[in-house]
């Protein structure tokens, strides 16, 4: 199993900030996971399973952190198909944007609304990524997971739960790795899937800084009637800058690293935003990104 001492956290997240962790481990097969399980109690007390790091704000104080990143990202595999549905198995390390491209090429519909969301498939399921009233967990038919205490196991709908930006394996488990996911898609013409995917991507690109160094939405929407972005906008946070970090001028709920931004600048700006929104509206915004 490949390991890296002192990995640079700037290179392991889309926000590109933070110091160095203590160790990064890259299991690539089930034997590596067995090895990891045997050494679990010896590798450190602070551990984090990581996909692409597209919803993480790393601080500079992580010298005791151990990262575990599943390296396998082999191509999706069609498990079964009929006139109306196609079941596809996708590796947890497979990039979500590549999956959408694969679906477009093979004419499989169901994920188009997720265009523009970075990260891996496993990470997307772990936080139940979604857009336009579409959640990825809603089309999941089977999940293969690993935990240090239980090893490899599978769950089907009814044995796991999910909600707005959250997923739970349904058992008392804080640490788990998503090895693979089976999703239910619908056959459609490749041209139609490609066109629909591009439409959702371009729509999102107009209002979100997709090409900037961000970690996605900073705050969860407080309810269905009110979005965090609108609250931040009304509180004057759109474009607000602290050092080399700002809230995007395109979308007030996106934190952008302008280049060389630090976690201190980011956290100060986040705290300022929470206080401004609370004072203005009474909403105490809940973080969507993970601060580590």
Protein backbone atom coordinates (compact mmCIF):
# COMPACT_ATOMS: atom_id res chain seq x y z
CA UNK A 1 0.00 0.00 0.00
CA UNK A 2 1.44 3.33 -1.05
CA UNK A 3 2.02 5.89 1.72
CA UNK A 4 3.25 9.49 1.74
CA UNK A 5 4.72 11.20 4.78
CA UNK A 6 3.80 14.83 5.31
CA UNK A 7 1.44 15.23 2.33
CA UNK A 8 0.71 18.80 1.26
CA UNK A 9 -2.96 19.44 1.94
CA UNK A 10 -3.02 22.23 -0.65
CA UNK A 11 -2.66 19.51 -3.26
CA UNK A 12 -5.39 17.32 -1.77
CA UNK A 13 -8.36 19.67 -1.84
CA UNK A 14 -10.05 21.88 -4.41
CA UNK A 15 -9.84 24.93 -2.12
CA UNK A 16 -6.04 24.49 -2.15
CA UNK A 17 -5.21 25.66 1.36
CA UNK A 18 -3.89 24.15 4.56
CA UNK A 19 -0.57 22.89 5.88
CA UNK A 20 0.72 19.34 5.88
CA UNK A 21 -0.83 16.20 7.30
CA UNK A 22 1.17 13.54 9.10
CA UNK A 23 0.55 10.70 6.67
CA UNK A 24 -1.50 9.73 3.62
CA UNK A 25 -2.36 6.10 2.85
CA UNK A 26 -3.58 4.93 -0.55
CA UNK A 27 -5.18 1.46 -0.41
CA UNK A 28 -5.76 -0.01 -3.87
CA UNK A 29 -7.32 -3.40 -3.19
CA UNK A 30 -9.05 -5.49 -0.53
CA UNK A 31 -5.72 -6.85 0.73
CA UNK A 32 -4.61 -3.31 1.44
CA UNK A 33 -7.83 -2.74 3.37
CA UNK A 34 -7.16 -5.87 5.43
CA UNK A 35 -3.68 -4.54 6.15
CA UNK A 36 -5.14 -1.18 7.09
CA UNK A 37 -7.62 -2.80 9.46
CA UNK A 38 -4.86 -4.69 11.26
CA UNK A 39 -2.85 -1.51 11.78
CA UNK A 40 -5.82 0.80 12.44
CA UNK A 41 -5.12 1.49 16.12
CA UNK A 42 -1.45 2.19 15.42
CA UNK A 43 -1.72 4.72 12.61
CA UNK A 44 -3.03 7.58 14.76
CA UNK A 45 -6.16 8.87 16.41
CA UNK A 46 -7.07 11.53 13.83
CA UNK A 47 -8.08 9.91 10.57
CA UNK A 48 -10.00 11.13 7.54
CA UNK A 49 -11.30 9.27 4.51
CA UNK A 50 -10.84 11.57 1.54
CA UNK A 51 -12.13 11.64 -2.01
CA UNK A 52 -11.05 14.61 -4.10
CA UNK A 53 -11.35 16.96 -1.14
CA UNK A 54 -13.98 19.08 -2.89
CA UNK A 55 -15.91 19.97 0.27
CA UNK A 56 -13.04 20.33 2.76
CA UNK A 57 -11.34 23.34 4.30
CA UNK A 58 -7.98 22.16 5.63
CA UNK A 59 -6.28 24.26 8.30
CA UNK A 60 -2.52 24.55 8.88
CA UNK A 61 -2.76 22.55 12.13
CA UNK A 62 -2.92 18.96 10.90
CA UNK A 63 0.48 17.39 11.58
CA UNK A 64 -1.22 14.47 13.39
CA UNK A 65 -3.83 13.83 10.69
CA UNK A 66 -3.84 10.57 8.72
CA UNK A 67 -5.58 10.63 5.34
CA UNK A 68 -6.97 7.48 3.68
CA UNK A 69 -7.71 7.79 -0.03
CA UNK A 70 -9.14 4.93 -2.10
CA UNK A 71 -7.09 4.87 -5.30
CA UNK A 72 -9.07 2.58 -7.57
CA UNK A 73 -11.06 4.38 -10.25
CA UNK A 74 -11.60 1.73 -12.94
CA UNK A 75 -14.32 2.30 -15.51
CA UNK A 76 -18.00 1.76 -14.63
CA UNK A 77 -19.49 -1.64 -15.35
CA UNK A 78 -23.02 -2.44 -16.52
CA UNK A 79 -24.40 -5.09 -14.16
CA UNK A 80 -27.84 -5.57 -15.75
CA UNK A 81 -30.14 -3.80 -18.18
CA UNK A 82 -33.60 -3.96 -19.63
CA UNK A 83 -35.89 -1.70 -21.61
CA UNK A 84 -36.38 0.77 -18.76
CA UNK A 85 -33.42 0.54 -16.36
CA UNK A 86 -29.69 -0.06 -16.40
CA UNK A 87 -27.78 -0.93 -13.22
CA UNK A 88 -24.22 0.37 -13.26
CA UNK A 89 -21.47 -0.40 -10.75
CA UNK A 90 -19.08 2.50 -10.20
CA UNK A 91 -15.89 2.47 -8.17
CA UNK A 92 -15.87 4.86 -5.20
CA UNK A 93 -12.70 6.51 -6.45
CA UNK A 94 -14.10 7.26 -9.90
CA UNK A 95 -14.43 11.02 -10.55
CA UNK A 96 -18.05 12.17 -10.74
CA UNK A 97 -17.45 14.45 -13.79
CA UNK A 98 -15.93 11.46 -15.65
CA UNK A 99 -18.96 9.36 -14.74
CA UNK A 100 -21.25 11.98 -16.31
CA UNK A 101 -19.10 11.89 -19.43
CA UNK A 102 -19.28 8.09 -19.50
CA UNK A 103 -23.07 8.23 -19.14
CA UNK A 104 -23.27 10.68 -22.03
CA UNK A 105 -21.17 8.40 -24.24
CA UNK A 106 -23.28 5.32 -23.48
CA UNK A 107 -26.68 7.03 -23.37
CA UNK A 108 -27.56 6.56 -19.70
CA UNK A 109 -29.75 9.16 -18.03
CA UNK A 110 -30.24 10.05 -14.37
CA UNK A 111 -27.21 12.07 -13.32
CA UNK A 112 -27.33 15.04 -15.69
CA UNK A 113 -28.44 17.46 -12.97
CA UNK A 114 -25.18 16.81 -11.12
CA UNK A 115 -23.08 18.35 -13.90
CA UNK A 116 -20.52 20.76 -12.50
CA UNK A 117 -20.11 18.97 -9.17
CA UNK A 118 -16.49 17.88 -8.63
CA UNK A 119 -15.25 15.06 -6.44
CA UNK A 120 -15.38 11.28 -6.54
CA UNK A 121 -18.43 9.04 -6.67
CA UNK A 122 -17.72 7.78 -3.15
CA UNK A 123 -17.41 11.32 -1.83
CA UNK A 124 -20.60 12.35 -3.63
CA UNK A 125 -22.54 9.53 -1.97
CA UNK A 126 -20.96 10.16 1.45
CA UNK A 127 -22.37 13.71 1.42
CA UNK A 128 -25.38 12.90 -0.79
CA UNK A 129 -24.40 15.44 -3.43
CA UNK A 130 -27.29 16.92 -5.32
CA UNK A 131 -28.68 19.74 -7.41
CA UNK A 132 -32.03 20.75 -8.91
CA UNK A 133 -33.95 18.54 -6.46
CA UNK A 134 -31.84 15.54 -7.48
CA UNK A 135 -29.86 13.57 -4.86
CA UNK A 136 -27.38 10.92 -5.90
CA UNK A 137 -28.42 8.60 -3.06
CA UNK A 138 -31.95 8.46 -4.46
CA UNK A 139 -30.75 6.31 -7.38
CA UNK A 140 -28.31 4.14 -5.42
CA UNK A 141 -29.36 0.48 -5.31
CA UNK A 142 -26.32 -0.97 -3.53
CA UNK A 143 -23.25 0.34 -1.70
CA UNK A 144 -20.10 -1.59 -0.88
CA UNK A 145 -18.30 -0.21 2.15
CA UNK A 146 -15.34 -0.96 4.39
CA UNK A 147 -14.86 -0.12 8.04
CA UNK A 148 -11.93 -0.99 10.32
CA UNK A 149 -14.17 -2.93 12.67
CA UNK A 150 -16.44 -4.72 10.20
CA UNK A 151 -14.35 -5.11 7.08
CA UNK A 152 -16.11 -5.16 3.71
CA UNK A 153 -19.91 -5.24 3.63
CA UNK A 154 -22.79 -4.17 1.39
CA UNK A 155 -25.96 -2.18 2.00
CA UNK A 156 -29.13 -1.84 -0.05
CA UNK A 157 -31.90 0.79 0.22
CA UNK A 158 -33.68 0.45 3.53
CA UNK A 159 -30.41 -0.42 5.24
CA UNK A 160 -28.94 3.06 4.82
CA UNK A 161 -30.43 6.49 5.18
CA UNK A 162 -29.79 9.84 3.55
CA UNK A 163 -31.04 13.40 3.62
CA UNK A 164 -29.99 16.88 2.65
CA UNK A 165 -26.22 16.61 2.21
CA UNK A 166 -25.87 13.62 4.51
CA UNK A 167 -25.60 9.86 4.30
CA UNK A 168 -25.63 7.26 7.07
CA UNK A 169 -24.87 3.54 6.74
CA UNK A 170 -27.64 2.86 9.25
CA UNK A 171 -25.38 1.41 11.92
CA UNK A 172 -23.26 2.97 14.64
CA UNK A 173 -20.23 3.76 12.54
CA UNK A 174 -18.25 6.99 12.34
CA UNK A 175 -15.46 5.78 10.05
CA UNK A 176 -16.17 4.06 6.75
CA UNK A 177 -14.90 3.99 3.19
CA UNK A 178 -17.17 3.68 0.15
CA UNK A 179 -15.58 1.11 -2.15
CA UNK A 180 -18.20 1.01 -4.88
CA UNK A 181 -21.73 2.11 -5.67
CA UNK A 182 -24.44 0.59 -7.84
CA UNK A 183 -26.81 3.11 -9.39
CA UNK A 184 -30.00 2.82 -11.42
CA UNK A 185 -30.04 4.74 -14.70
CA UNK A 186 -32.38 4.90 -17.66
CA UNK A 187 -31.44 4.21 -21.31
CA UNK A 188 -31.62 7.26 -23.54
CA UNK A 189 -29.94 8.45 -26.71
CA UNK A 190 -26.32 9.59 -26.13
CA UNK A 191 -27.08 12.88 -27.86
CA UNK A 192 -29.97 13.64 -25.52
CA UNK A 193 -27.95 12.82 -22.39
CA UNK A 194 -24.99 14.85 -23.64
CA UNK A 195 -27.20 17.86 -24.46
CA UNK A 196 -29.00 17.74 -21.11
CA UNK A 197 -25.73 17.38 -19.19
CA UNK A 198 -24.23 20.37 -20.99
CA UNK A 199 -27.36 22.45 -20.36
CA UNK A 200 -27.15 21.85 -16.61
CA UNK A 201 -23.40 22.51 -16.62
CA UNK A 202 -23.72 25.81 -18.50
CA UNK A 203 -26.63 26.90 -16.31
CA UNK A 204 -24.52 26.26 -13.22
CA UNK A 205 -21.43 27.90 -14.72
CA UNK A 206 -23.35 31.16 -15.20
CA UNK A 207 -24.09 31.50 -11.49
CA UNK A 208 -21.30 29.55 -9.76
CA UNK A 209 -17.48 29.90 -9.89
CA UNK A 210 -16.92 26.39 -11.25
CA UNK A 211 -13.44 27.14 -12.60
CA UNK A 212 -12.12 28.78 -9.41
CA UNK A 213 -10.47 27.19 -6.38
CA UNK A 214 -13.50 26.58 -4.17
CA UNK A 215 -14.91 23.89 -1.88
CA UNK A 216 -18.47 24.20 -3.15
CA UNK A 217 -21.22 25.73 -1.03
CA UNK A 218 -19.95 26.84 2.37
CA UNK A 219 -23.31 26.72 4.19
CA UNK A 220 -26.35 24.48 3.99
CA UNK A 221 -29.65 26.05 3.03
CA UNK A 222 -31.57 26.66 6.30
CA UNK A 223 -34.88 25.47 4.80
CA UNK A 224 -36.66 24.89 1.50
CA UNK A 225 -37.94 28.47 1.34
CA UNK A 226 -34.65 30.24 2.07
CA UNK A 227 -31.22 29.60 0.57
CA UNK A 228 -27.91 30.39 2.23
CA UNK A 229 -26.79 32.18 -0.92
CA UNK A 230 -29.66 34.67 -0.83
CA UNK A 231 -29.15 35.30 2.88
CA UNK A 232 -25.45 35.96 2.38
CA UNK A 233 -26.22 38.19 -0.58
CA UNK A 234 -28.68 40.30 1.43
CA UNK A 235 -26.16 40.52 4.26
CA UNK A 236 -23.60 42.06 1.89
CA UNK A 237 -21.22 39.09 1.66
CA UNK A 238 -21.16 38.70 -2.13
CA UNK A 239 -17.61 39.56 -3.20
CA UNK A 240 -16.51 40.17 0.40
CA UNK A 241 -12.74 39.67 0.67
CA UNK A 242 -10.36 38.88 3.51
CA UNK A 243 -6.72 38.70 2.39
CA UNK A 244 -6.60 36.23 -0.50
CA UNK A 245 -9.98 34.65 0.22
CA UNK A 246 -13.40 35.94 -0.82
CA UNK A 247 -17.03 35.03 -1.24
CA UNK A 248 -17.61 34.74 -4.96
CA UNK A 249 -19.11 37.67 -6.86
CA UNK A 250 -21.07 35.07 -8.84
CA UNK A 251 -22.57 33.24 -5.86
CA UNK A 252 -22.28 34.47 -2.28
CA UNK A 253 -22.23 30.94 -0.82
CA UNK A 254 -18.99 29.98 -2.57
CA UNK A 255 -15.68 30.66 -0.85
CA UNK A 256 -12.86 31.27 -3.34
CA UNK A 257 -9.10 31.02 -2.82
CA UNK A 258 -7.74 33.87 -4.92
CA UNK A 259 -4.22 32.46 -4.69
CA UNK A 260 -2.23 31.87 -1.53
CA UNK A 261 -5.26 32.18 0.72
CA UNK A 262 -4.95 30.80 4.25
CA UNK A 263 -7.38 28.90 6.43
CA UNK A 264 -7.21 31.72 8.98
CA UNK A 265 -8.49 34.20 6.39
CA UNK A 266 -11.18 31.73 5.32
CA UNK A 267 -12.38 31.00 8.85
CA UNK A 268 -12.47 34.69 9.78
CA UNK A 269 -14.56 35.42 6.69
CA UNK A 270 -16.88 32.51 7.46
CA UNK A 271 -17.39 33.70 11.02
CA UNK A 272 -18.09 37.24 9.81
CA UNK A 273 -20.68 35.86 7.40
CA UNK A 274 -22.43 33.75 10.04
CA UNK A 275 -22.66 36.70 12.42
CA UNK A 276 -23.96 39.04 9.71
CA UNK A 277 -26.67 36.59 8.60
CA UNK A 278 -27.68 35.79 12.17
CA UNK A 279 -28.03 39.46 13.05
CA UNK A 280 -29.94 40.24 9.85
CA UNK A 281 -32.30 37.26 9.69
CA UNK A 282 -32.02 35.14 12.83
CA UNK A 283 -30.72 32.19 10.78
CA UNK A 284 -27.68 30.50 12.32
CA UNK A 285 -26.12 29.01 9.18
CA UNK A 286 -24.86 25.45 9.38
CA UNK A 287 -21.61 24.55 7.64
CA UNK A 288 -21.79 22.31 4.56
CA UNK A 289 -18.06 22.09 4.02
CA UNK A 290 -15.94 20.17 6.51
CA UNK A 291 -13.32 22.11 8.47
CA UNK A 292 -10.38 19.87 9.38
